[in-house]
Amino acid sequence: MSDINMDVSEINDSDKLWALLSMIFMPLVGIIALLMEDKKSRPFIKYYAVQSIILGILFFILSGVCVGILVWVYGIYIGVKAYGGEYVTIPVITDFCKNQGWI
């Protein structure tokens, strides 16, 4: 699966753990790994740290855009209903606002 020519015999358990953590907690652990001299000098850790940063940034951008678009579309739907004179109950939010005495 990998087309990278790396000596796998040099990969130790610590390298594997840092790679795993970089991907699970992307991009935070990847950034931390690249800030640590002893970690960024390890090719296996660097390989996954850099990728986790890029993948993490893409994830946040895309999830923010997708979720933002869905919320915006839902807001338009509610706005159209409101324009028609209807009260729309928004799950969780309407009850929260009522309980706070805001509406």
PDB file of N, CA and C in Angstrom:
ATOM      1  N   MET A   1       0.818  -1.190   0.000  1.00  0.00           N
ATOM      2  CA  MET A   1       0.000   0.000   0.000  1.00  0.00           C
ATOM      3  C   MET A   1       0.864   1.256   0.000  1.00  0.00           C
ATOM      4  N   SER A   2       2.001   1.192   0.612  1.00  0.00           N
ATOM      5  CA  SER A   2       2.879   2.348   0.683  1.00  0.00           C
ATOM      6  C   SER A   2       3.899   2.314  -0.442  1.00  0.00           C
ATOM      7  N   ASP A   3       4.089   3.461  -1.066  1.00  0.00           N
ATOM      8  CA  ASP A   3       5.099   3.549  -2.111  1.00  0.00           C
ATOM      9  C   ASP A   3       6.335   4.292  -1.611  1.00  0.00           C
ATOM     10  N   ILE A   4       6.401   4.518  -0.318  1.00  0.00           N
ATOM     11  CA  ILE A   4       7.533   5.195   0.293  1.00  0.00           C
ATOM     12  C   ILE A   4       8.608   4.159   0.588  1.00  0.00           C
ATOM     13  N   ASN A   5       9.831   4.461   0.191  1.00  0.00           N
ATOM     14  CA  ASN A   5      10.951   3.560   0.461  1.00  0.00           C
ATOM     15  C   ASN A   5      11.552   3.921   1.811  1.00  0.00           C
ATOM     16  N   MET A   6      11.074   3.246   2.835  1.00  0.00           N
ATOM     17  CA  MET A   6      11.581   3.489   4.178  1.00  0.00           C
ATOM     18  C   MET A   6      12.028   2.168   4.766  1.00  0.00           C
ATOM     19  N   ASP A   7      13.015   2.229   5.615  1.00  0.00           N
ATOM     20  CA  ASP A   7      13.499   1.045   6.292  1.00  0.00           C
ATOM     21  C   ASP A   7      12.564   0.751   7.460  1.00  0.00           C
ATOM     22  N   VAL A   8      11.692  -0.239   7.299  1.00  0.00           N
ATOM     23  CA  VAL A   8      10.716  -0.551   8.338  1.00  0.00           C
ATOM     24  C   VAL A   8      11.369  -1.110   9.596  1.00  0.00           C
ATOM     25  N   SER A   9      12.590  -1.568   9.493  1.00  0.00           N
ATOM     26  CA  SER A   9      13.274  -2.088  10.678  1.00  0.00           C
ATOM     27  C   SER A   9      13.616  -0.973  11.663  1.00  0.00           C
ATOM     28  N   GLU A  10      13.629   0.264  11.195  1.00  0.00           N
ATOM     29  CA  GLU A  10      13.925   1.399  12.071  1.00  0.00           C
ATOM     30  C   GLU A  10      12.694   1.922  12.800  1.00  0.00           C
ATOM     31  N   ILE A  11      11.517   1.397  12.469  1.00  0.00           N
ATOM     32  CA  ILE A  11      10.276   1.850  13.103  1.00  0.00           C
ATOM     33  C   ILE A  11      10.121   1.119  14.428  1.00  0.00           C
ATOM     34  N   ASN A  12      10.017   1.897  15.498  1.00  0.00           N
ATOM     35  CA  ASN A  12       9.850   1.283  16.817  1.00  0.00           C
ATOM     36  C   ASN A  12       8.427   1.498  17.332  1.00  0.00           C
ATOM     37  N   ASP A  13       8.121   0.960  18.497  1.00  0.00           N
ATOM     38  CA  ASP A  13       6.778   1.068  19.062  1.00  0.00           C
ATOM     39  C   ASP A  13       6.395   2.513  19.367  1.00  0.00           C
ATOM     40  N   SER A  14       7.361   3.304  19.765  1.00  0.00           N
ATOM     41  CA  SER A  14       7.093   4.720  20.035  1.00  0.00           C
ATOM     42  C   SER A  14       6.688   5.437  18.750  1.00  0.00           C
ATOM     43  N   ASP A  15       7.368   5.130  17.652  1.00  0.00           N
ATOM     44  CA  ASP A  15       7.020   5.725  16.357  1.00  0.00           C
ATOM     45  C   ASP A  15       5.583   5.371  15.986  1.00  0.00           C
ATOM     46  N   LYS A  16       5.239   4.106  16.181  1.00  0.00           N
ATOM     47  CA  LYS A  16       3.886   3.643  15.848  1.00  0.00           C
ATOM     48  C   LYS A  16       2.840   4.335  16.703  1.00  0.00           C
ATOM     49  N   LEU A  17       3.142   4.497  17.987  1.00  0.00           N
ATOM     50  CA  LEU A  17       2.206   5.156  18.889  1.00  0.00           C
ATOM     51  C   LEU A  17       2.006   6.618  18.500  1.00  0.00           C
ATOM     52  N   TRP A  18       3.094   7.316  18.209  1.00  0.00           N
ATOM     53  CA  TRP A  18       2.985   8.714  17.796  1.00  0.00           C
ATOM     54  C   TRP A  18       2.208   8.855  16.489  1.00  0.00           C
ATOM     55  N   ALA A  19       2.406   7.908  15.566  1.00  0.00           N
ATOM     56  CA  ALA A  19       1.662   7.930  14.304  1.00  0.00           C
ATOM     57  C   ALA A  19       0.174   7.731  14.568  1.00  0.00           C
ATOM     58  N   LEU A  20      -0.152   6.764  15.420  1.00  0.00           N
ATOM     59  CA  LEU A  20      -1.547   6.512  15.773  1.00  0.00           C
ATOM     60  C   LEU A  20      -2.181   7.734  16.424  1.00  0.00           C
ATOM     61  N   LEU A  21      -1.503   8.290  17.413  1.00  0.00           N
ATOM     62  CA  LEU A  21      -2.038   9.467  18.108  1.00  0.00           C
ATOM     63  C   LEU A  21      -2.160  10.671  17.181  1.00  0.00           C
ATOM     64  N   SER A  22      -1.234  10.798  16.233  1.00  0.00           N
ATOM     65  CA  SER A  22      -1.307  11.897  15.264  1.00  0.00           C
ATOM     66  C   SER A  22      -2.579  11.807  14.436  1.00  0.00           C
ATOM     67  N   MET A  23      -2.955  10.590  14.069  1.00  0.00           N
ATOM     68  CA  MET A  23      -4.142  10.425  13.239  1.00  0.00           C
ATOM     69  C   MET A  23      -5.429  10.507  14.054  1.00  0.00           C
ATOM     70  N   ILE A  24      -5.400  10.021  15.288  1.00  0.00           N
ATOM     71  CA  ILE A  24      -6.606  10.083  16.120  1.00  0.00           C
ATOM     72  C   ILE A  24      -6.900  11.518  16.548  1.00  0.00           C
ATOM     73  N   PHE A  25      -5.866  12.221  16.978  1.00  0.00           N
ATOM     74  CA  PHE A  25      -6.051  13.580  17.497  1.00  0.00           C
ATOM     75  C   PHE A  25      -5.505  14.611  16.511  1.00  0.00           C
ATOM     76  N   MET A  26      -5.867  14.428  15.243  1.00  0.00           N
ATOM     77  CA  MET A  26      -5.375  15.347  14.223  1.00  0.00           C
ATOM     78  C   MET A  26      -6.029  16.701  14.368  1.00  0.00           C
ATOM     79  N   PRO A  27      -5.405  17.766  14.093  1.00  0.00           N
ATOM     80  CA  PRO A  27      -4.014  17.961  13.753  1.00  0.00           C
ATOM     81  C   PRO A  27      -3.127  18.243  14.963  1.00  0.00           C
ATOM     82  N   LEU A  28      -3.707  18.234  16.159  1.00  0.00           N
ATOM     83  CA  LEU A  28      -2.984  18.662  17.362  1.00  0.00           C
ATOM     84  C   LEU A  28      -1.704  17.864  17.627  1.00  0.00           C
ATOM     85  N   VAL A  29      -1.797  16.541  17.672  1.00  0.00           N
ATOM     86  CA  VAL A  29      -0.617  15.735  17.994  1.00  0.00           C
ATOM     87  C   VAL A  29       0.422  15.822  16.882  1.00  0.00           C
ATOM     88  N   GLY A  30      -0.038  15.936  15.638  1.00  0.00           N
ATOM     89  CA  GLY A  30       0.899  16.103  14.529  1.00  0.00           C
ATOM     90  C   GLY A  30       1.724  17.372  14.682  1.00  0.00           C
ATOM     91  N   ILE A  31       1.059  18.436  15.077  1.00  0.00           N
ATOM     92  CA  ILE A  31       1.762  19.708  15.298  1.00  0.00           C
ATOM     93  C   ILE A  31       2.758  19.565  16.450  1.00  0.00           C
ATOM     94  N   ILE A  32       2.313  18.941  17.529  1.00  0.00           N
ATOM     95  CA  ILE A  32       3.204  18.742  18.680  1.00  0.00           C
ATOM     96  C   ILE A  32       4.418  17.917  18.282  1.00  0.00           C
ATOM     97  N   ALA A  33       4.179  16.849  17.509  1.00  0.00           N
ATOM     98  CA  ALA A  33       5.284  15.982  17.092  1.00  0.00           C
ATOM     99  C   ALA A  33       6.309  16.750  16.262  1.00  0.00           C
ATOM    100  N   LEU A  34       5.832  17.621  15.391  1.00  0.00           N
ATOM    101  CA  LEU A  34       6.758  18.383  14.551  1.00  0.00           C
ATOM    102  C   LEU A  34       7.485  19.482  15.311  1.00  0.00           C
ATOM    103  N   LEU A  35       6.993  19.838  16.478  1.00  0.00           N
ATOM    104  CA  LEU A  35       7.668  20.832  17.309  1.00  0.00           C
ATOM    105  C   LEU A  35       8.729  20.206  18.212  1.00  0.00           C
ATOM    106  N   MET A  36       8.707  18.884  18.321  1.00  0.00           N
ATOM    107  CA  MET A  36       9.668  18.176  19.169  1.00  0.00           C
ATOM    108  C   MET A  36      10.808  17.657  18.298  1.00  0.00           C
ATOM    109  N   GLU A  37      12.022  18.095  18.588  1.00  0.00           N
ATOM    110  CA  GLU A  37      13.189  17.735  17.773  1.00  0.00           C
ATOM    111  C   GLU A  37      13.370  16.223  17.630  1.00  0.00           C
ATOM    112  N   ASP A  38      13.233  15.497  18.720  1.00  0.00           N
ATOM    113  CA  ASP A  38      13.465  14.054  18.653  1.00  0.00           C
ATOM    114  C   ASP A  38      12.375  13.328  17.869  1.00  0.00           C
ATOM    115  N   LYS A  39      11.180  13.893  17.800  1.00  0.00           N
ATOM    116  CA  LYS A  39      10.081  13.253  17.060  1.00  0.00           C
ATOM    117  C   LYS A  39      10.122  13.592  15.577  1.00  0.00           C
ATOM    118  N   LYS A  40      10.380  14.847  15.265  1.00  0.00           N
ATOM    119  CA  LYS A  40      10.367  15.223  13.850  1.00  0.00           C
ATOM    120  C   LYS A  40      11.549  14.653  13.076  1.00  0.00           C
ATOM    121  N   SER A  41      12.558  14.190  13.779  1.00  0.00           N
ATOM    122  CA  SER A  41      13.697  13.569  13.095  1.00  0.00           C
ATOM    123  C   SER A  41      13.429  12.101  12.751  1.00  0.00           C
ATOM    124  N   ARG A  42      12.344  11.553  13.277  1.00  0.00           N
ATOM    125  CA  ARG A  42      11.950  10.171  12.985  1.00  0.00           C
ATOM    126  C   ARG A  42      11.060  10.174  11.736  1.00  0.00           C
ATOM    127  N   PRO A  43      11.496   9.584  10.620  1.00  0.00           N
ATOM    128  CA  PRO A  43      10.750   9.632   9.361  1.00  0.00           C
ATOM    129  C   PRO A  43       9.318   9.112   9.462  1.00  0.00           C
ATOM    130  N   PHE A  44       9.088   8.043  10.209  1.00  0.00           N
ATOM    131  CA  PHE A  44       7.749   7.468  10.317  1.00  0.00           C
ATOM    132  C   PHE A  44       6.801   8.433  11.035  1.00  0.00           C
ATOM    133  N   ILE A  45       7.284   9.032  12.117  1.00  0.00           N
ATOM    134  CA  ILE A  45       6.470   9.993  12.857  1.00  0.00           C
ATOM    135  C   ILE A  45       6.201  11.213  11.996  1.00  0.00           C
ATOM    136  N   LYS A  46       7.230  11.729  11.339  1.00  0.00           N
ATOM    137  CA  LYS A  46       7.076  12.907  10.496  1.00  0.00           C
ATOM    138  C   LYS A  46       6.087  12.640   9.362  1.00  0.00           C
ATOM    139  N   TYR A  47       6.163  11.457   8.773  1.00  0.00           N
ATOM    140  CA  TYR A  47       5.277  11.064   7.676  1.00  0.00           C
ATOM    141  C   TYR A  47       3.814  11.194   8.093  1.00  0.00           C
ATOM    142  N   TYR A  48       3.480  10.660   9.260  1.00  0.00           N
ATOM    143  CA  TYR A  48       2.097  10.709   9.720  1.00  0.00           C
ATOM    144  C   TYR A  48       1.732  12.043  10.350  1.00  0.00           C
ATOM    145  N   ALA A  49       2.672  12.714  10.975  1.00  0.00           N
ATOM    146  CA  ALA A  49       2.392  14.009  11.593  1.00  0.00           C
ATOM    147  C   ALA A  49       1.980  15.033  10.535  1.00  0.00           C
ATOM    148  N   VAL A  50       2.749  15.084   9.469  1.00  0.00           N
ATOM    149  CA  VAL A  50       2.443  16.044   8.400  1.00  0.00           C
ATOM    150  C   VAL A  50       1.086  15.722   7.777  1.00  0.00           C
ATOM    151  N   GLN A  51       0.846  14.444   7.503  1.00  0.00           N
ATOM    152  CA  GLN A  51      -0.430  14.063   6.902  1.00  0.00           C
ATOM    153  C   GLN A  51      -1.603  14.340   7.840  1.00  0.00           C
ATOM    154  N   SER A  52      -1.394  14.133   9.140  1.00  0.00           N
ATOM    155  CA  SER A  52      -2.487  14.371  10.080  1.00  0.00           C
ATOM    156  C   SER A  52      -2.835  15.858  10.159  1.00  0.00           C
ATOM    157  N   ILE A  53      -1.836  16.706  10.006  1.00  0.00           N
ATOM    158  CA  ILE A  53      -2.103  18.154  10.014  1.00  0.00           C
ATOM    159  C   ILE A  53      -2.950  18.540   8.812  1.00  0.00           C
ATOM    160  N   ILE A  54      -2.560  18.071   7.637  1.00  0.00           N
ATOM    161  CA  ILE A  54      -3.321  18.401   6.425  1.00  0.00           C
ATOM    162  C   ILE A  54      -4.717  17.810   6.490  1.00  0.00           C
ATOM    163  N   LEU A  55      -4.822  16.548   6.872  1.00  0.00           N
ATOM    164  CA  LEU A  55      -6.116  15.889   6.954  1.00  0.00           C
ATOM    165  C   LEU A  55      -7.000  16.545   8.006  1.00  0.00           C
ATOM    166  N   GLY A  56      -6.408  16.925   9.135  1.00  0.00           N
ATOM    167  CA  GLY A  56      -7.165  17.602  10.188  1.00  0.00           C
ATOM    168  C   GLY A  56      -7.705  18.938   9.734  1.00  0.00           C
ATOM    169  N   ILE A  57      -6.886  19.707   9.039  1.00  0.00           N
ATOM    170  CA  ILE A  57      -7.333  21.004   8.526  1.00  0.00           C
ATOM    171  C   ILE A  57      -8.466  20.805   7.519  1.00  0.00           C
ATOM    172  N   LEU A  58      -8.295  19.846   6.612  1.00  0.00           N
ATOM    173  CA  LEU A  58      -9.354  19.555   5.638  1.00  0.00           C
ATOM    174  C   LEU A  58     -10.641  19.119   6.329  1.00  0.00           C
ATOM    175  N   PHE A  59     -10.511  18.284   7.348  1.00  0.00           N
ATOM    176  CA  PHE A  59     -11.679  17.821   8.083  1.00  0.00           C
ATOM    177  C   PHE A  59     -12.437  18.996   8.695  1.00  0.00           C
ATOM    178  N   PHE A  60     -11.713  19.896   9.368  1.00  0.00           N
ATOM    179  CA  PHE A  60     -12.374  21.030  10.003  1.00  0.00           C
ATOM    180  C   PHE A  60     -13.019  21.958   8.982  1.00  0.00           C
ATOM    181  N   ILE A  61     -12.355  22.179   7.874  1.00  0.00           N
ATOM    182  CA  ILE A  61     -12.919  23.045   6.832  1.00  0.00           C
ATOM    183  C   ILE A  61     -14.176  22.421   6.245  1.00  0.00           C
ATOM    184  N   LEU A  62     -14.060  21.161   5.843  1.00  0.00           N
ATOM    185  CA  LEU A  62     -15.194  20.508   5.202  1.00  0.00           C
ATOM    186  C   LEU A  62     -16.354  20.284   6.155  1.00  0.00           C
ATOM    187  N   SER A  63     -16.068  19.882   7.382  1.00  0.00           N
ATOM    188  CA  SER A  63     -17.171  19.670   8.320  1.00  0.00           C
ATOM    189  C   SER A  63     -17.819  20.994   8.677  1.00  0.00           C
ATOM    190  N   GLY A  64     -17.014  22.024   8.800  1.00  0.00           N
ATOM    191  CA  GLY A  64     -17.576  23.342   9.082  1.00  0.00           C
ATOM    192  C   GLY A  64     -18.439  23.841   7.941  1.00  0.00           C
ATOM    193  N   VAL A  65     -17.980  23.633   6.722  1.00  0.00           N
ATOM    194  CA  VAL A  65     -18.733  24.070   5.552  1.00  0.00           C
ATOM    195  C   VAL A  65     -20.012  23.266   5.416  1.00  0.00           C
ATOM    196  N   CYS A  66     -19.907  21.929   5.511  1.00  0.00           N
ATOM    197  CA  CYS A  66     -21.093  21.078   5.335  1.00  0.00           C
ATOM    198  C   CYS A  66     -22.128  21.338   6.415  1.00  0.00           C
ATOM    199  N   VAL A  67     -21.688  21.357   7.665  1.00  0.00           N
ATOM    200  CA  VAL A  67     -22.615  21.604   8.761  1.00  0.00           C
ATOM    201  C   VAL A  67     -23.178  23.016   8.653  1.00  0.00           C
ATOM    202  N   GLY A  68     -22.335  23.958   8.329  1.00  0.00           N
ATOM    203  CA  GLY A  68     -22.796  25.339   8.174  1.00  0.00           C
ATOM    204  C   GLY A  68     -23.848  25.471   7.092  1.00  0.00           C
ATOM    205  N   ILE A  69     -23.653  24.789   5.981  1.00  0.00           N
ATOM    206  CA  ILE A  69     -24.629  24.837   4.887  1.00  0.00           C
ATOM    207  C   ILE A  69     -25.943  24.202   5.314  1.00  0.00           C
ATOM    208  N   LEU A  70     -25.862  23.058   6.002  1.00  0.00           N
ATOM    209  CA  LEU A  70     -27.090  22.403   6.468  1.00  0.00           C
ATOM    210  C   LEU A  70     -27.861  23.281   7.453  1.00  0.00           C
ATOM    211  N   VAL A  71     -27.164  23.905   8.375  1.00  0.00           N
ATOM    212  CA  VAL A  71     -27.816  24.795   9.337  1.00  0.00           C
ATOM    213  C   VAL A  71     -28.432  25.987   8.611  1.00  0.00           C
ATOM    214  N   TRP A  72     -27.722  26.517   7.634  1.00  0.00           N
ATOM    215  CA  TRP A  72     -28.232  27.650   6.864  1.00  0.00           C
ATOM    216  C   TRP A  72     -29.503  27.271   6.106  1.00  0.00           C
ATOM    217  N   VAL A  73     -29.503  26.100   5.473  1.00  0.00           N
ATOM    218  CA  VAL A  73     -30.690  25.628   4.744  1.00  0.00           C
ATOM    219  C   VAL A  73     -31.849  25.426   5.714  1.00  0.00           C
ATOM    220  N   TYR A  74     -31.570  24.835   6.868  1.00  0.00           N
ATOM    221  CA  TYR A  74     -32.609  24.661   7.887  1.00  0.00           C
ATOM    222  C   TYR A  74     -33.129  26.022   8.355  1.00  0.00           C
ATOM    223  N   GLY A  75     -32.232  26.980   8.508  1.00  0.00           N
ATOM    224  CA  GLY A  75     -32.660  28.331   8.888  1.00  0.00           C
ATOM    225  C   GLY A  75     -33.556  28.960   7.838  1.00  0.00           C
ATOM    226  N   ILE A  76     -33.260  28.744   6.565  1.00  0.00           N
ATOM    227  CA  ILE A  76     -34.125  29.264   5.493  1.00  0.00           C
ATOM    228  C   ILE A  76     -35.499  28.617   5.570  1.00  0.00           C
ATOM    229  N   TYR A  77     -35.525  27.294   5.807  1.00  0.00           N
ATOM    230  CA  TYR A  77     -36.796  26.584   5.948  1.00  0.00           C
ATOM    231  C   TYR A  77     -37.626  27.192   7.084  1.00  0.00           C
ATOM    232  N   ILE A  78     -36.981  27.403   8.239  1.00  0.00           N
ATOM    233  CA  ILE A  78     -37.682  27.995   9.379  1.00  0.00           C
ATOM    234  C   ILE A  78     -38.130  29.405   9.049  1.00  0.00           C
ATOM    235  N   GLY A  79     -37.286  30.168   8.353  1.00  0.00           N
ATOM    236  CA  GLY A  79     -37.649  31.527   7.954  1.00  0.00           C
ATOM    237  C   GLY A  79     -38.865  31.557   7.049  1.00  0.00           C
ATOM    238  N   VAL A  80     -38.943  30.616   6.115  1.00  0.00           N
ATOM    239  CA  VAL A  80     -40.103  30.532   5.215  1.00  0.00           C
ATOM    240  C   VAL A  80     -41.364  30.217   6.016  1.00  0.00           C
ATOM    241  N   LYS A  81     -41.234  29.271   6.965  1.00  0.00           N
ATOM    242  CA  LYS A  81     -42.376  28.939   7.831  1.00  0.00           C
ATOM    243  C   LYS A  81     -42.788  30.149   8.670  1.00  0.00           C
ATOM    244  N   ALA A  82     -41.815  30.866   9.199  1.00  0.00           N
ATOM    245  CA  ALA A  82     -42.103  32.052  10.000  1.00  0.00           C
ATOM    246  C   ALA A  82     -42.774  33.119   9.144  1.00  0.00           C
ATOM    247  N   TYR A  83     -42.313  33.265   7.911  1.00  0.00           N
ATOM    248  CA  TYR A  83     -42.918  34.226   6.986  1.00  0.00           C
ATOM    249  C   TYR A  83     -44.383  33.860   6.724  1.00  0.00           C
ATOM    250  N   GLY A  84     -44.684  32.571   6.810  1.00  0.00           N
ATOM    251  CA  GLY A  84     -46.069  32.110   6.650  1.00  0.00           C
ATOM    252  C   GLY A  84     -46.877  32.243   7.929  1.00  0.00           C
ATOM    253  N   GLY A  85     -46.285  32.768   8.980  1.00  0.00           N
ATOM    254  CA  GLY A  85     -46.998  33.000  10.229  1.00  0.00           C
ATOM    255  C   GLY A  85     -47.020  31.800  11.169  1.00  0.00           C
ATOM    256  N   GLU A  86     -46.180  30.809  10.933  1.00  0.00           N
ATOM    257  CA  GLU A  86     -46.167  29.610  11.763  1.00  0.00           C
ATOM    258  C   GLU A  86     -45.095  29.700  12.843  1.00  0.00           C
ATOM    259  N   TYR A  87     -45.393  29.087  13.989  1.00  0.00           N
ATOM    260  CA  TYR A  87     -44.377  28.888  15.014  1.00  0.00           C
ATOM    261  C   TYR A  87     -43.709  27.547  14.732  1.00  0.00           C
ATOM    262  N   VAL A  88     -42.417  27.525  14.605  1.00  0.00           N
ATOM    263  CA  VAL A  88     -41.677  26.294  14.350  1.00  0.00           C
ATOM    264  C   VAL A  88     -40.895  25.938  15.611  1.00  0.00           C
ATOM    265  N   THR A  89     -41.062  24.706  16.065  1.00  0.00           N
ATOM    266  CA  THR A  89     -40.307  24.223  17.216  1.00  0.00           C
ATOM    267  C   THR A  89     -39.000  23.623  16.723  1.00  0.00           C
ATOM    268  N   ILE A  90     -37.899  24.221  17.144  1.00  0.00           N
ATOM    269  CA  ILE A  90     -36.576  23.715  16.791  1.00  0.00           C
ATOM    270  C   ILE A  90     -36.163  22.760  17.907  1.00  0.00           C
ATOM    271  N   PRO A  91     -35.877  21.500  17.563  1.00  0.00           N
ATOM    272  CA  PRO A  91     -35.521  20.528  18.604  1.00  0.00           C
ATOM    273  C   PRO A  91     -34.420  21.057  19.524  1.00  0.00           C
ATOM    274  N   VAL A  92     -34.606  20.879  20.795  1.00  0.00           N
ATOM    275  CA  VAL A  92     -33.700  21.243  21.880  1.00  0.00           C
ATOM    276  C   VAL A  92     -33.624  22.762  22.068  1.00  0.00           C
ATOM    277  N   ILE A  93     -33.429  23.523  21.022  1.00  0.00           N
ATOM    278  CA  ILE A  93     -33.229  24.971  21.138  1.00  0.00           C
ATOM    279  C   ILE A  93     -34.484  25.665  21.641  1.00  0.00           C
ATOM    280  N   THR A  94     -35.650  25.308  21.094  1.00  0.00           N
ATOM    281  CA  THR A  94     -36.890  25.953  21.520  1.00  0.00           C
ATOM    282  C   THR A  94     -37.149  25.690  23.000  1.00  0.00           C
ATOM    283  N   ASP A  95     -37.020  24.435  23.434  1.00  0.00           N
ATOM    284  CA  ASP A  95     -37.229  24.099  24.844  1.00  0.00           C
ATOM    285  C   ASP A  95     -36.242  24.811  25.753  1.00  0.00           C
ATOM    286  N   PHE A  96     -34.974  24.866  25.324  1.00  0.00           N
ATOM    287  CA  PHE A  96     -33.951  25.561  26.113  1.00  0.00           C
ATOM    288  C   PHE A  96     -34.322  27.037  26.278  1.00  0.00           C
ATOM    289  N   CYS A  97     -34.708  27.683  25.213  1.00  0.00           N
ATOM    290  CA  CYS A  97     -35.052  29.101  25.276  1.00  0.00           C
ATOM    291  C   CYS A  97     -36.279  29.347  26.149  1.00  0.00           C
ATOM    292  N   LYS A  98     -37.252  28.448  26.062  1.00  0.00           N
ATOM    293  CA  LYS A  98     -38.445  28.569  26.916  1.00  0.00           C
ATOM    294  C   LYS A  98     -38.085  28.398  28.379  1.00  0.00           C
ATOM    295  N   ASN A  99     -37.247  27.396  28.680  1.00  0.00           N
ATOM    296  CA  ASN A  99     -36.834  27.146  30.069  1.00  0.00           C
ATOM    297  C   ASN A  99     -36.036  28.303  30.655  1.00  0.00           C
ATOM    298  N   GLN A 100     -35.323  29.026  29.827  1.00  0.00           N
ATOM    299  CA  GLN A 100     -34.556  30.179  30.289  1.00  0.00           C
ATOM    300  C   GLN A 100     -35.432  31.419  30.432  1.00  0.00           C
ATOM    301  N   GLY A 101     -36.663  31.332  29.941  1.00  0.00           N
ATOM    302  CA  GLY A 101     -37.571  32.470  30.001  1.00  0.00           C
ATOM    303  C   GLY A 101     -37.318  33.495  28.910  1.00  0.00           C
ATOM    304  N   TRP A 102     -36.569  33.116  27.870  1.00  0.00           N
ATOM    305  CA  TRP A 102     -36.239  34.039  26.798  1.00  0.00           C
ATOM    306  C   TRP A 102     -37.360  34.185  25.786  1.00  0.00           C
ATOM    307  N   ILE A 103     -38.208  33.162  25.681  1.00  0.00           N
ATOM    308  CA  ILE A 103     -39.364  33.259  24.767  1.00  0.00           C
ATOM    309  C   ILE A 103     -40.607  32.732  25.461  1.00  0.00           C
TER     310      ILE A 103
END
